[in-house]
């Protein structure tokens, strides 16, 4: 549930977000796992991940080859987040706000 919320909010709050976890092509979002992978077009994902980590937001950098879709191998690296059962709706909103804020700064 929280991963779906994070995906939805990232897409609506940050116009240049590109989901890289297959969610754009998924027919049924309930079939997706809790791993959320995204990039913000025009923003270096490594710099964004570093800024989010400095805010104590857990994320990792995912290499552009971390996919079976060869057409995505030319895309920039992405950010991976995995909301879990111990996270809250409030934390998801705080993460989205932080991503938007840091992306604007970069």
N, C-alpha and C. Protein backbone atom coordinates (compact mmCIF):
# COMPACT_ATOMS: atom_id res chain seq x y z
N UNK A 1 0.81 -1.20 0.00
CA UNK A 1 0.00 0.00 0.00
C UNK A 1 0.85 1.26 0.00
N UNK A 2 1.88 1.31 0.84
CA UNK A 2 2.71 2.51 0.91
C UNK A 2 3.55 2.71 -0.34
N UNK A 3 3.98 1.63 -0.96
CA UNK A 3 4.74 1.74 -2.21
C UNK A 3 3.85 2.33 -3.31
N UNK A 4 2.60 1.89 -3.38
CA UNK A 4 1.66 2.47 -4.36
C UNK A 4 1.47 3.95 -4.10
N UNK A 5 1.33 4.29 -2.83
CA UNK A 5 1.15 5.70 -2.46
C UNK A 5 2.40 6.51 -2.83
N UNK A 6 3.57 5.97 -2.55
CA UNK A 6 4.81 6.67 -2.89
C UNK A 6 4.92 6.88 -4.39
N UNK A 7 4.65 5.86 -5.18
CA UNK A 7 4.68 6.00 -6.64
C UNK A 7 3.71 7.08 -7.12
N UNK A 8 2.49 6.99 -6.63
CA UNK A 8 1.45 7.95 -7.05
C UNK A 8 1.84 9.38 -6.69
N UNK A 9 2.31 9.57 -5.47
CA UNK A 9 2.64 10.92 -5.01
C UNK A 9 3.88 11.47 -5.71
N UNK A 10 4.88 10.63 -5.96
CA UNK A 10 6.05 11.11 -6.70
C UNK A 10 5.64 11.59 -8.09
N UNK A 11 4.79 10.81 -8.76
CA UNK A 11 4.35 11.20 -10.11
C UNK A 11 3.54 12.48 -10.11
N UNK A 12 2.70 12.67 -9.10
CA UNK A 12 1.84 13.86 -9.10
C UNK A 12 2.53 15.10 -8.55
N UNK A 13 3.48 14.91 -7.65
CA UNK A 13 4.13 16.07 -7.02
C UNK A 13 5.35 16.58 -7.78
N UNK A 14 5.96 15.69 -8.56
CA UNK A 14 7.21 16.05 -9.24
C UNK A 14 7.07 15.73 -10.72
N UNK A 15 6.82 16.75 -11.54
CA UNK A 15 6.50 16.52 -12.95
C UNK A 15 7.54 15.72 -13.73
N UNK A 16 8.82 15.82 -13.38
CA UNK A 16 9.86 15.17 -14.17
C UNK A 16 10.24 13.78 -13.64
N UNK A 17 9.44 13.22 -12.73
CA UNK A 17 9.73 11.88 -12.22
C UNK A 17 9.42 10.85 -13.30
N UNK A 18 10.36 9.92 -13.47
CA UNK A 18 10.18 8.78 -14.36
C UNK A 18 10.28 7.53 -13.50
N UNK A 19 9.22 6.76 -13.45
CA UNK A 19 9.23 5.53 -12.68
C UNK A 19 10.03 4.49 -13.46
N UNK A 20 10.91 3.77 -12.77
CA UNK A 20 11.78 2.81 -13.43
C UNK A 20 11.59 1.40 -12.87
N UNK A 21 10.50 1.19 -12.16
CA UNK A 21 10.26 -0.11 -11.51
C UNK A 21 9.21 -0.95 -12.23
N UNK A 22 8.88 -0.57 -13.44
CA UNK A 22 7.87 -1.32 -14.19
C UNK A 22 6.45 -0.87 -13.92
N UNK A 23 6.28 0.07 -13.01
CA UNK A 23 4.92 0.46 -12.62
C UNK A 23 4.19 1.21 -13.73
N UNK A 24 4.92 1.87 -14.62
CA UNK A 24 4.26 2.58 -15.72
C UNK A 24 3.57 1.62 -16.67
N UNK A 25 4.13 0.42 -16.81
CA UNK A 25 3.57 -0.56 -17.74
C UNK A 25 2.63 -1.55 -17.07
N UNK A 26 2.58 -1.53 -15.75
CA UNK A 26 1.76 -2.52 -15.03
C UNK A 26 0.28 -2.28 -15.26
N UNK A 27 -0.42 -3.33 -15.58
CA UNK A 27 -1.87 -3.25 -15.76
C UNK A 27 -2.57 -3.21 -14.40
N UNK A 28 -2.06 -3.97 -13.47
CA UNK A 28 -2.65 -4.08 -12.14
C UNK A 28 -1.60 -3.72 -11.10
N UNK A 29 -1.68 -2.52 -10.54
CA UNK A 29 -0.66 -2.06 -9.60
C UNK A 29 -0.59 -2.89 -8.33
N UNK A 30 -1.63 -3.67 -8.04
CA UNK A 30 -1.58 -4.52 -6.85
C UNK A 30 -0.60 -5.67 -7.02
N UNK A 31 -0.14 -5.90 -8.25
CA UNK A 31 0.83 -6.96 -8.53
C UNK A 31 2.27 -6.50 -8.31
N UNK A 32 2.46 -5.21 -8.09
CA UNK A 32 3.81 -4.67 -7.92
C UNK A 32 4.29 -4.89 -6.49
N UNK A 33 5.59 -5.01 -6.34
CA UNK A 33 6.18 -5.17 -5.01
C UNK A 33 6.37 -3.83 -4.32
N UNK A 34 7.08 -3.88 -3.22
CA UNK A 34 7.28 -2.68 -2.41
C UNK A 34 8.54 -1.92 -2.77
N UNK A 35 9.20 -2.32 -3.84
CA UNK A 35 10.41 -1.61 -4.27
C UNK A 35 10.01 -0.55 -5.28
N UNK A 36 10.35 0.69 -4.98
CA UNK A 36 10.03 1.83 -5.83
C UNK A 36 11.34 2.35 -6.40
N UNK A 37 11.43 2.41 -7.73
CA UNK A 37 12.64 2.89 -8.40
C UNK A 37 12.23 4.03 -9.33
N UNK A 38 12.96 5.14 -9.22
CA UNK A 38 12.61 6.31 -10.02
C UNK A 38 13.83 7.16 -10.30
N UNK A 39 13.69 8.04 -11.26
CA UNK A 39 14.67 9.08 -11.52
C UNK A 39 13.90 10.39 -11.69
N UNK A 40 14.59 11.48 -11.55
CA UNK A 40 14.02 12.78 -11.87
C UNK A 40 14.81 13.29 -13.06
N UNK A 41 14.13 13.42 -14.19
CA UNK A 41 14.82 13.83 -15.43
C UNK A 41 15.57 15.13 -15.21
N UNK A 42 16.83 15.13 -15.68
CA UNK A 42 17.66 16.33 -15.58
C UNK A 42 18.39 16.46 -14.25
N UNK A 43 18.17 15.54 -13.33
CA UNK A 43 18.82 15.58 -12.02
C UNK A 43 19.72 14.35 -11.89
N UNK A 44 20.94 14.55 -11.44
CA UNK A 44 21.87 13.45 -11.21
C UNK A 44 21.36 12.63 -10.02
N UNK A 45 21.02 11.37 -10.26
CA UNK A 45 20.46 10.52 -9.20
C UNK A 45 21.42 10.31 -8.04
N UNK A 46 22.71 10.27 -8.32
CA UNK A 46 23.69 10.12 -7.25
C UNK A 46 23.65 11.33 -6.31
N UNK A 47 23.58 12.52 -6.89
CA UNK A 47 23.51 13.73 -6.07
C UNK A 47 22.21 13.78 -5.28
N UNK A 48 21.12 13.38 -5.91
CA UNK A 48 19.83 13.38 -5.22
C UNK A 48 19.83 12.36 -4.09
N UNK A 49 20.36 11.17 -4.34
CA UNK A 49 20.43 10.14 -3.29
C UNK A 49 21.29 10.61 -2.12
N UNK A 50 22.39 11.28 -2.42
CA UNK A 50 23.27 11.81 -1.37
C UNK A 50 22.53 12.85 -0.53
N UNK A 51 21.79 13.73 -1.19
CA UNK A 51 21.03 14.76 -0.47
C UNK A 51 19.94 14.14 0.39
N UNK A 52 19.26 13.12 -0.13
CA UNK A 52 18.21 12.46 0.65
C UNK A 52 18.80 11.71 1.84
N UNK A 53 19.94 11.07 1.63
CA UNK A 53 20.61 10.36 2.72
C UNK A 53 21.03 11.34 3.82
N UNK A 54 21.47 12.52 3.43
CA UNK A 54 21.84 13.55 4.41
C UNK A 54 20.63 13.96 5.27
N UNK A 55 19.44 13.78 4.72
CA UNK A 55 18.20 14.06 5.47
C UNK A 55 17.72 12.83 6.24
N UNK A 56 18.54 11.78 6.24
CA UNK A 56 18.23 10.53 6.93
C UNK A 56 17.06 9.79 6.28
N UNK A 57 16.97 9.92 4.96
CA UNK A 57 15.99 9.18 4.17
C UNK A 57 16.72 8.03 3.52
N UNK A 58 16.29 6.83 3.80
CA UNK A 58 16.95 5.64 3.31
C UNK A 58 16.63 5.41 1.83
N UNK A 59 17.69 5.38 1.02
CA UNK A 59 17.55 5.09 -0.40
C UNK A 59 18.88 4.58 -0.90
N UNK A 60 18.85 3.95 -2.05
CA UNK A 60 20.08 3.48 -2.68
C UNK A 60 20.09 3.88 -4.15
N UNK A 61 21.29 3.95 -4.69
CA UNK A 61 21.45 4.24 -6.11
C UNK A 61 21.40 2.92 -6.88
N UNK A 62 20.63 2.89 -7.96
CA UNK A 62 20.48 1.70 -8.77
C UNK A 62 21.11 1.97 -10.14
N UNK A 63 22.02 1.10 -10.54
CA UNK A 63 22.67 1.26 -11.84
C UNK A 63 21.66 1.12 -12.97
N UNK A 64 21.92 1.80 -14.07
CA UNK A 64 20.98 1.74 -15.20
C UNK A 64 20.87 0.35 -15.79
N UNK A 65 21.79 -0.54 -15.47
CA UNK A 65 21.73 -1.91 -15.97
C UNK A 65 20.95 -2.84 -15.04
N UNK A 66 20.36 -2.29 -14.01
CA UNK A 66 19.58 -3.08 -13.04
C UNK A 66 18.16 -3.30 -13.57
N UNK A 67 18.08 -3.88 -14.75
CA UNK A 67 16.79 -4.12 -15.40
C UNK A 67 16.96 -5.18 -16.48
N UNK A 68 15.88 -5.85 -16.80
CA UNK A 68 15.90 -6.78 -17.92
C UNK A 68 15.56 -6.08 -19.23
N UNK A 69 15.08 -4.85 -19.15
CA UNK A 69 14.68 -4.09 -20.33
C UNK A 69 15.91 -3.38 -20.91
N UNK A 70 16.48 -3.95 -21.93
CA UNK A 70 17.71 -3.39 -22.51
C UNK A 70 17.56 -1.94 -22.95
N UNK A 71 16.36 -1.55 -23.36
CA UNK A 71 16.16 -0.17 -23.81
C UNK A 71 16.37 0.84 -22.68
N UNK A 72 16.32 0.39 -21.44
CA UNK A 72 16.55 1.29 -20.31
C UNK A 72 18.01 1.39 -19.92
N UNK A 73 18.87 0.58 -20.53
CA UNK A 73 20.29 0.60 -20.17
C UNK A 73 20.94 1.94 -20.52
N UNK A 74 20.35 2.67 -21.42
CA UNK A 74 20.90 3.98 -21.77
C UNK A 74 20.41 5.10 -20.87
N UNK A 75 19.47 4.80 -19.99
CA UNK A 75 18.94 5.81 -19.08
C UNK A 75 19.93 6.06 -17.94
N UNK A 76 19.79 7.17 -17.26
CA UNK A 76 20.65 7.44 -16.10
C UNK A 76 20.37 6.45 -14.96
N UNK A 77 21.28 6.42 -14.00
CA UNK A 77 21.04 5.63 -12.80
C UNK A 77 19.77 6.15 -12.12
N UNK A 78 19.22 5.35 -11.22
CA UNK A 78 17.96 5.70 -10.57
C UNK A 78 18.08 5.55 -9.05
N UNK A 79 17.04 5.93 -8.36
CA UNK A 79 16.97 5.83 -6.90
C UNK A 79 15.97 4.75 -6.52
N UNK A 80 16.36 3.95 -5.55
CA UNK A 80 15.49 2.88 -5.06
C UNK A 80 15.09 3.18 -3.62
N UNK A 81 13.80 3.04 -3.36
CA UNK A 81 13.25 3.16 -2.01
C UNK A 81 12.34 1.97 -1.76
N UNK A 82 12.26 1.54 -0.53
CA UNK A 82 11.43 0.38 -0.19
C UNK A 82 10.63 0.64 1.08
N UNK A 83 9.50 1.32 0.96
CA UNK A 83 8.67 1.52 2.15
C UNK A 83 8.19 0.18 2.69
N UNK A 84 8.09 0.08 3.98
CA UNK A 84 7.76 -1.19 4.61
C UNK A 84 6.62 -1.02 5.60
N UNK A 85 6.25 -2.10 6.25
CA UNK A 85 5.12 -2.10 7.17
C UNK A 85 5.31 -1.17 8.35
N UNK A 86 6.55 -0.81 8.67
CA UNK A 86 6.77 0.06 9.82
C UNK A 86 6.78 1.54 9.43
N UNK A 87 6.66 1.85 8.13
CA UNK A 87 6.55 3.23 7.69
C UNK A 87 5.10 3.69 7.75
N UNK A 88 4.90 5.00 7.67
CA UNK A 88 3.56 5.59 7.79
C UNK A 88 3.25 6.46 6.58
N UNK A 89 1.98 6.81 6.44
CA UNK A 89 1.55 7.74 5.39
C UNK A 89 2.27 9.08 5.53
N UNK A 90 2.43 9.52 6.76
CA UNK A 90 3.10 10.80 7.03
C UNK A 90 4.55 10.75 6.53
N UNK A 91 5.22 9.63 6.75
CA UNK A 91 6.60 9.49 6.29
C UNK A 91 6.67 9.48 4.76
N UNK A 92 5.73 8.85 4.12
CA UNK A 92 5.70 8.85 2.65
C UNK A 92 5.57 10.28 2.14
N UNK A 93 4.68 11.05 2.73
CA UNK A 93 4.51 12.44 2.32
C UNK A 93 5.77 13.26 2.58
N UNK A 94 6.45 12.99 3.68
CA UNK A 94 7.69 13.69 3.99
C UNK A 94 8.78 13.36 2.97
N UNK A 95 8.83 12.10 2.54
CA UNK A 95 9.81 11.70 1.52
C UNK A 95 9.52 12.40 0.20
N UNK A 96 8.27 12.44 -0.20
CA UNK A 96 7.91 13.11 -1.46
C UNK A 96 8.28 14.58 -1.39
N UNK A 97 7.99 15.22 -0.27
CA UNK A 97 8.36 16.64 -0.10
C UNK A 97 9.87 16.84 -0.17
N UNK A 98 10.61 15.93 0.43
CA UNK A 98 12.07 16.03 0.42
C UNK A 98 12.62 15.82 -0.99
N UNK A 99 12.10 14.85 -1.71
CA UNK A 99 12.54 14.62 -3.10
C UNK A 99 12.27 15.87 -3.94
N UNK A 100 11.07 16.43 -3.80
CA UNK A 100 10.72 17.64 -4.56
C UNK A 100 11.65 18.80 -4.19
N UNK A 101 11.90 18.98 -2.91
CA UNK A 101 12.74 20.07 -2.44
C UNK A 101 14.17 19.91 -2.94
N UNK A 102 14.73 18.73 -2.79
CA UNK A 102 16.11 18.50 -3.22
C UNK A 102 16.25 18.57 -4.75
N UNK A 103 15.27 18.06 -5.47
CA UNK A 103 15.31 18.14 -6.93
C UNK A 103 15.29 19.59 -7.40
N UNK A 104 14.53 20.41 -6.70
CA UNK A 104 14.47 21.83 -7.05
C UNK A 104 15.82 22.51 -6.81
N UNK A 105 16.51 22.12 -5.76
CA UNK A 105 17.81 22.70 -5.43
C UNK A 105 18.89 22.28 -6.42
N UNK A 106 18.77 21.03 -6.91
CA UNK A 106 19.81 20.51 -7.80
C UNK A 106 19.55 20.96 -9.23
